[in-house]
Amino acid sequence: MKKDVEKKRQKLINKLIFFRVYVKEDQQLYEFSLSKLENEYKRFKFQNHPHGEFGSIQWR
């Protein structure tokens, strides 16, 4: 089970690094817990999704 947690952590770290997120709140991503990494990734996806907010709605 510990290996699974580490795999998930590494996968999220790699995804965040791909999006050029390296440091958050003066901490390296490697210092984050799995739950904190999951929350950060969800927040990043929500803020940067092309259909987030009202960007995809066209009013005429």
PDB file of N, CA and C in Angstrom:
ATOM      1  N   MET A   1       0.822  -1.192   0.000  1.00  0.00           N
ATOM      2  CA  MET A   1       0.000   0.000   0.000  1.00  0.00           C
ATOM      3  C   MET A   1       0.871   1.263   0.000  1.00  0.00           C
ATOM      4  N   LYS A   2       1.972   1.223   0.705  1.00  0.00           N
ATOM      5  CA  LYS A   2       2.862   2.371   0.734  1.00  0.00           C
ATOM      6  C   LYS A   2       3.431   2.661  -0.651  1.00  0.00           C
ATOM      7  N   LYS A   3       3.690   1.601  -1.414  1.00  0.00           N
ATOM      8  CA  LYS A   3       4.196   1.782  -2.779  1.00  0.00           C
ATOM      9  C   LYS A   3       3.152   2.456  -3.660  1.00  0.00           C
ATOM     10  N   ASP A   4       1.881   2.089  -3.462  1.00  0.00           N
ATOM     11  CA  ASP A   4       0.811   2.705  -4.243  1.00  0.00           C
ATOM     12  C   ASP A   4       0.697   4.201  -3.961  1.00  0.00           C
ATOM     13  N   VAL A   5       0.826   4.564  -2.700  1.00  0.00           N
ATOM     14  CA  VAL A   5       0.768   5.982  -2.321  1.00  0.00           C
ATOM     15  C   VAL A   5       1.926   6.736  -2.960  1.00  0.00           C
ATOM     16  N   GLU A   6       3.110   6.151  -2.911  1.00  0.00           N
ATOM     17  CA  GLU A   6       4.280   6.804  -3.512  1.00  0.00           C
ATOM     18  C   GLU A   6       4.133   6.928  -5.028  1.00  0.00           C
ATOM     19  N   LYS A   7       3.558   5.918  -5.657  1.00  0.00           N
ATOM     20  CA  LYS A   7       3.332   5.989  -7.110  1.00  0.00           C
ATOM     21  C   LYS A   7       2.360   7.115  -7.441  1.00  0.00           C
ATOM     22  N   LYS A   8       1.281   7.240  -6.665  1.00  0.00           N
ATOM     23  CA  LYS A   8       0.304   8.304  -6.893  1.00  0.00           C
ATOM     24  C   LYS A   8       0.941   9.677  -6.680  1.00  0.00           C
ATOM     25  N   ARG A   9       1.729   9.798  -5.601  1.00  0.00           N
ATOM     26  CA  ARG A   9       2.417  11.062  -5.332  1.00  0.00           C
ATOM     27  C   ARG A   9       3.326  11.433  -6.502  1.00  0.00           C
ATOM     28  N   GLN A  10       4.117  10.473  -6.963  1.00  0.00           N
ATOM     29  CA  GLN A  10       5.049  10.743  -8.052  1.00  0.00           C
ATOM     30  C   GLN A  10       4.319  11.120  -9.333  1.00  0.00           C
ATOM     31  N   LYS A  11       3.214  10.466  -9.599  1.00  0.00           N
ATOM     32  CA  LYS A  11       2.429  10.760 -10.794  1.00  0.00           C
ATOM     33  C   LYS A  11       1.880  12.196 -10.743  1.00  0.00           C
ATOM     34  N   LEU A  12       1.364  12.595  -9.591  1.00  0.00           N
ATOM     35  CA  LEU A  12       0.851  13.953  -9.447  1.00  0.00           C
ATOM     36  C   LEU A  12       1.977  14.989  -9.530  1.00  0.00           C
ATOM     37  N   ILE A  13       3.096  14.684  -8.929  1.00  0.00           N
ATOM     38  CA  ILE A  13       4.247  15.586  -9.005  1.00  0.00           C
ATOM     39  C   ILE A  13       4.672  15.765 -10.458  1.00  0.00           C
ATOM     40  N   ASN A  14       4.730  14.682 -11.191  1.00  0.00           N
ATOM     41  CA  ASN A  14       5.110  14.764 -12.613  1.00  0.00           C
ATOM     42  C   ASN A  14       4.115  15.599 -13.406  1.00  0.00           C
ATOM     43  N   LYS A  15       2.831  15.427 -13.126  1.00  0.00           N
ATOM     44  CA  LYS A  15       1.810  16.215 -13.838  1.00  0.00           C
ATOM     45  C   LYS A  15       1.954  17.693 -13.515  1.00  0.00           C
ATOM     46  N   LEU A  16       2.152  18.015 -12.249  1.00  0.00           N
ATOM     47  CA  LEU A  16       2.301  19.424 -11.874  1.00  0.00           C
ATOM     48  C   LEU A  16       3.572  20.021 -12.461  1.00  0.00           C
ATOM     49  N   ILE A  17       4.646  19.271 -12.482  1.00  0.00           N
ATOM     50  CA  ILE A  17       5.884  19.752 -13.094  1.00  0.00           C
ATOM     51  C   ILE A  17       5.679  19.985 -14.588  1.00  0.00           C
ATOM     52  N   PHE A  18       4.925  19.120 -15.235  1.00  0.00           N
ATOM     53  CA  PHE A  18       4.619  19.306 -16.652  1.00  0.00           C
ATOM     54  C   PHE A  18       3.947  20.663 -16.883  1.00  0.00           C
ATOM     55  N   PHE A  19       3.108  21.076 -15.923  1.00  0.00           N
ATOM     56  CA  PHE A  19       2.435  22.366 -16.016  1.00  0.00           C
ATOM     57  C   PHE A  19       3.254  23.496 -15.401  1.00  0.00           C
ATOM     58  N   ARG A  20       4.523  23.219 -15.129  1.00  0.00           N
ATOM     59  CA  ARG A  20       5.470  24.199 -14.605  1.00  0.00           C
ATOM     60  C   ARG A  20       5.121  24.690 -13.207  1.00  0.00           C
ATOM     61  N   VAL A  21       4.568  23.808 -12.417  1.00  0.00           N
ATOM     62  CA  VAL A  21       4.345  24.088 -11.000  1.00  0.00           C
ATOM     63  C   VAL A  21       5.426  23.319 -10.255  1.00  0.00           C
ATOM     64  N   TYR A  22       6.342  24.036  -9.633  1.00  0.00           N
ATOM     65  CA  TYR A  22       7.468  23.399  -8.956  1.00  0.00           C
ATOM     66  C   TYR A  22       7.436  23.626  -7.447  1.00  0.00           C
ATOM     67  N   VAL A  23       7.039  24.825  -7.070  1.00  0.00           N
ATOM     68  CA  VAL A  23       7.059  25.220  -5.667  1.00  0.00           C
ATOM     69  C   VAL A  23       5.721  25.863  -5.348  1.00  0.00           C
ATOM     70  N   LYS A  24       5.199  25.534  -4.193  1.00  0.00           N
ATOM     71  CA  LYS A  24       3.941  26.133  -3.752  1.00  0.00           C
ATOM     72  C   LYS A  24       4.076  26.441  -2.278  1.00  0.00           C
ATOM     73  N   GLU A  25       3.727  27.660  -1.895  1.00  0.00           N
ATOM     74  CA  GLU A  25       3.804  28.069  -0.494  1.00  0.00           C
ATOM     75  C   GLU A  25       5.210  27.836   0.070  1.00  0.00           C
ATOM     76  N   ASP A  26       6.218  28.159  -0.724  1.00  0.00           N
ATOM     77  CA  ASP A  26       7.627  27.998  -0.326  1.00  0.00           C
ATOM     78  C   ASP A  26       8.004  26.554   0.000  1.00  0.00           C
ATOM     79  N   GLN A  27       7.279  25.590  -0.540  1.00  0.00           N
ATOM     80  CA  GLN A  27       7.613  24.181  -0.362  1.00  0.00           C
ATOM     81  C   GLN A  27       7.784  23.525  -1.713  1.00  0.00           C
ATOM     82  N   GLN A  28       8.717  22.612  -1.788  1.00  0.00           N
ATOM     83  CA  GLN A  28       8.885  21.812  -2.993  1.00  0.00           C
ATOM     84  C   GLN A  28       7.733  20.811  -3.063  1.00  0.00           C
ATOM     85  N   LEU A  29       7.348  20.424  -4.261  1.00  0.00           N
ATOM     86  CA  LEU A  29       6.268  19.454  -4.413  1.00  0.00           C
ATOM     87  C   LEU A  29       6.578  18.144  -3.698  1.00  0.00           C
ATOM     88  N   TYR A  30       7.834  17.776  -3.643  1.00  0.00           N
ATOM     89  CA  TYR A  30       8.220  16.518  -3.014  1.00  0.00           C
ATOM     90  C   TYR A  30       7.947  16.505  -1.510  1.00  0.00           C
ATOM     91  N   GLU A  31       7.748  17.683  -0.928  1.00  0.00           N
ATOM     92  CA  GLU A  31       7.455  17.772   0.498  1.00  0.00           C
ATOM     93  C   GLU A  31       5.970  17.642   0.801  1.00  0.00           C
ATOM     94  N   PHE A  32       5.134  17.675  -0.214  1.00  0.00           N
ATOM     95  CA  PHE A  32       3.682  17.630  -0.023  1.00  0.00           C
ATOM     96  C   PHE A  32       3.202  16.216   0.245  1.00  0.00           C
ATOM     97  N   SER A  33       2.144  16.115   1.024  1.00  0.00           N
ATOM     98  CA  SER A  33       1.479  14.825   1.221  1.00  0.00           C
ATOM     99  C   SER A  33       0.652  14.509  -0.019  1.00  0.00           C
ATOM    100  N   LEU A  34       0.203  13.282  -0.113  1.00  0.00           N
ATOM    101  CA  LEU A  34      -0.625  12.883  -1.264  1.00  0.00           C
ATOM    102  C   LEU A  34      -1.886  13.727  -1.331  1.00  0.00           C
ATOM    103  N   SER A  35      -2.550  13.930  -0.209  1.00  0.00           N
ATOM    104  CA  SER A  35      -3.800  14.698  -0.227  1.00  0.00           C
ATOM    105  C   SER A  35      -3.563  16.148  -0.641  1.00  0.00           C
ATOM    106  N   LYS A  36      -2.460  16.732  -0.208  1.00  0.00           N
ATOM    107  CA  LYS A  36      -2.155  18.105  -0.600  1.00  0.00           C
ATOM    108  C   LYS A  36      -1.835  18.181  -2.093  1.00  0.00           C
ATOM    109  N   LEU A  37      -1.127  17.190  -2.607  1.00  0.00           N
ATOM    110  CA  LEU A  37      -0.844  17.148  -4.045  1.00  0.00           C
ATOM    111  C   LEU A  37      -2.137  16.992  -4.845  1.00  0.00           C
ATOM    112  N   GLU A  38      -3.036  16.132  -4.381  1.00  0.00           N
ATOM    113  CA  GLU A  38      -4.314  15.938  -5.066  1.00  0.00           C
ATOM    114  C   GLU A  38      -5.113  17.238  -5.093  1.00  0.00           C
ATOM    115  N   ASN A  39      -5.161  17.928  -3.978  1.00  0.00           N
ATOM    116  CA  ASN A  39      -5.883  19.196  -3.918  1.00  0.00           C
ATOM    117  C   ASN A  39      -5.262  20.244  -4.825  1.00  0.00           C
ATOM    118  N   GLU A  40      -3.962  20.309  -4.841  1.00  0.00           N
ATOM    119  CA  GLU A  40      -3.267  21.274  -5.695  1.00  0.00           C
ATOM    120  C   GLU A  40      -3.524  20.978  -7.170  1.00  0.00           C
ATOM    121  N   TYR A  41      -3.490  19.709  -7.546  1.00  0.00           N
ATOM    122  CA  TYR A  41      -3.727  19.330  -8.932  1.00  0.00           C
ATOM    123  C   TYR A  41      -5.167  19.655  -9.341  1.00  0.00           C
ATOM    124  N   LYS A  42      -6.124  19.351  -8.471  1.00  0.00           N
ATOM    125  CA  LYS A  42      -7.531  19.672  -8.762  1.00  0.00           C
ATOM    126  C   LYS A  42      -7.715  21.177  -8.915  1.00  0.00           C
ATOM    127  N   ARG A  43      -7.103  21.941  -8.022  1.00  0.00           N
ATOM    128  CA  ARG A  43      -7.211  23.397  -8.094  1.00  0.00           C
ATOM    129  C   ARG A  43      -6.593  23.923  -9.387  1.00  0.00           C
ATOM    130  N   PHE A  44      -5.435  23.396  -9.744  1.00  0.00           N
ATOM    131  CA  PHE A  44      -4.770  23.830 -10.970  1.00  0.00           C
ATOM    132  C   PHE A  44      -5.618  23.497 -12.198  1.00  0.00           C
ATOM    133  N   LYS A  45      -6.154  22.286 -12.229  1.00  0.00           N
ATOM    134  CA  LYS A  45      -6.994  21.885 -13.363  1.00  0.00           C
ATOM    135  C   LYS A  45      -8.219  22.777 -13.477  1.00  0.00           C
ATOM    136  N   PHE A  46      -8.854  23.090 -12.361  1.00  0.00           N
ATOM    137  CA  PHE A  46     -10.044  23.929 -12.379  1.00  0.00           C
ATOM    138  C   PHE A  46      -9.715  25.334 -12.882  1.00  0.00           C
ATOM    139  N   GLN A  47      -8.622  25.902 -12.403  1.00  0.00           N
ATOM    140  CA  GLN A  47      -8.246  27.269 -12.788  1.00  0.00           C
ATOM    141  C   GLN A  47      -7.779  27.371 -14.226  1.00  0.00           C
ATOM    142  N   ASN A  48      -7.220  26.303 -14.768  1.00  0.00           N
ATOM    143  CA  ASN A  48      -6.619  26.373 -16.095  1.00  0.00           C
ATOM    144  C   ASN A  48      -7.372  25.594 -17.160  1.00  0.00           C
ATOM    145  N   HIS A  49      -8.519  25.075 -16.822  1.00  0.00           N
ATOM    146  CA  HIS A  49      -9.304  24.322 -17.795  1.00  0.00           C
ATOM    147  C   HIS A  49      -9.881  25.290 -18.826  1.00  0.00           C
ATOM    148  N   PRO A  50      -9.834  24.955 -20.107  1.00  0.00           N
ATOM    149  CA  PRO A  50     -10.309  25.881 -21.138  1.00  0.00           C
ATOM    150  C   PRO A  50     -11.797  26.181 -21.038  1.00  0.00           C
ATOM    151  N   HIS A  51     -12.553  25.331 -20.356  1.00  0.00           N
ATOM    152  CA  HIS A  51     -13.989  25.562 -20.224  1.00  0.00           C
ATOM    153  C   HIS A  51     -14.357  26.050 -18.832  1.00  0.00           C
ATOM    154  N   GLY A  52     -13.354  26.366 -18.023  1.00  0.00           N
ATOM    155  CA  GLY A  52     -13.608  26.871 -16.683  1.00  0.00           C
ATOM    156  C   GLY A  52     -14.229  28.257 -16.746  1.00  0.00           C
ATOM    157  N   GLU A  53     -14.890  28.638 -15.670  1.00  0.00           N
ATOM    158  CA  GLU A  53     -15.561  29.923 -15.580  1.00  0.00           C
ATOM    159  C   GLU A  53     -16.584  30.031 -16.711  1.00  0.00           C
ATOM    160  N   PHE A  54     -16.509  31.126 -17.487  1.00  0.00           N
ATOM    161  CA  PHE A  54     -17.476  31.329 -18.565  1.00  0.00           C
ATOM    162  C   PHE A  54     -16.803  31.441 -19.918  1.00  0.00           C
ATOM    163  N   GLY A  55     -15.573  30.959 -20.034  1.00  0.00           N
ATOM    164  CA  GLY A  55     -14.810  31.107 -21.259  1.00  0.00           C
ATOM    165  C   GLY A  55     -15.406  30.455 -22.477  1.00  0.00           C
ATOM    166  N   SER A  56     -16.193  29.381 -22.288  1.00  0.00           N
ATOM    167  CA  SER A  56     -16.706  28.659 -23.449  1.00  0.00           C
ATOM    168  C   SER A  56     -18.138  29.076 -23.799  1.00  0.00           C
ATOM    169  N   ILE A  57     -18.770  29.931 -22.984  1.00  0.00           N
ATOM    170  CA  ILE A  57     -20.146  30.331 -23.255  1.00  0.00           C
ATOM    171  C   ILE A  57     -20.108  31.583 -24.123  1.00  0.00           C
ATOM    172  N   GLN A  58     -20.874  31.543 -25.199  1.00  0.00           N
ATOM    173  CA  GLN A  58     -20.929  32.696 -26.091  1.00  0.00           C
ATOM    174  C   GLN A  58     -22.333  33.271 -26.058  1.00  0.00           C
ATOM    175  N   TRP A  59     -22.436  34.506 -25.610  1.00  0.00           N
ATOM    176  CA  TRP A  59     -23.731  35.180 -25.562  1.00  0.00           C
ATOM    177  C   TRP A  59     -23.914  35.976 -26.850  1.00  0.00           C
ATOM    178  N   ARG A  60     -25.066  35.889 -27.425  1.00  0.00           N
ATOM    179  CA  ARG A  60     -25.335  36.654 -28.664  1.00  0.00           C
ATOM    180  C   ARG A  60     -26.497  37.550 -28.483  1.00  0.00           C
TER     181      ARG A  60
END
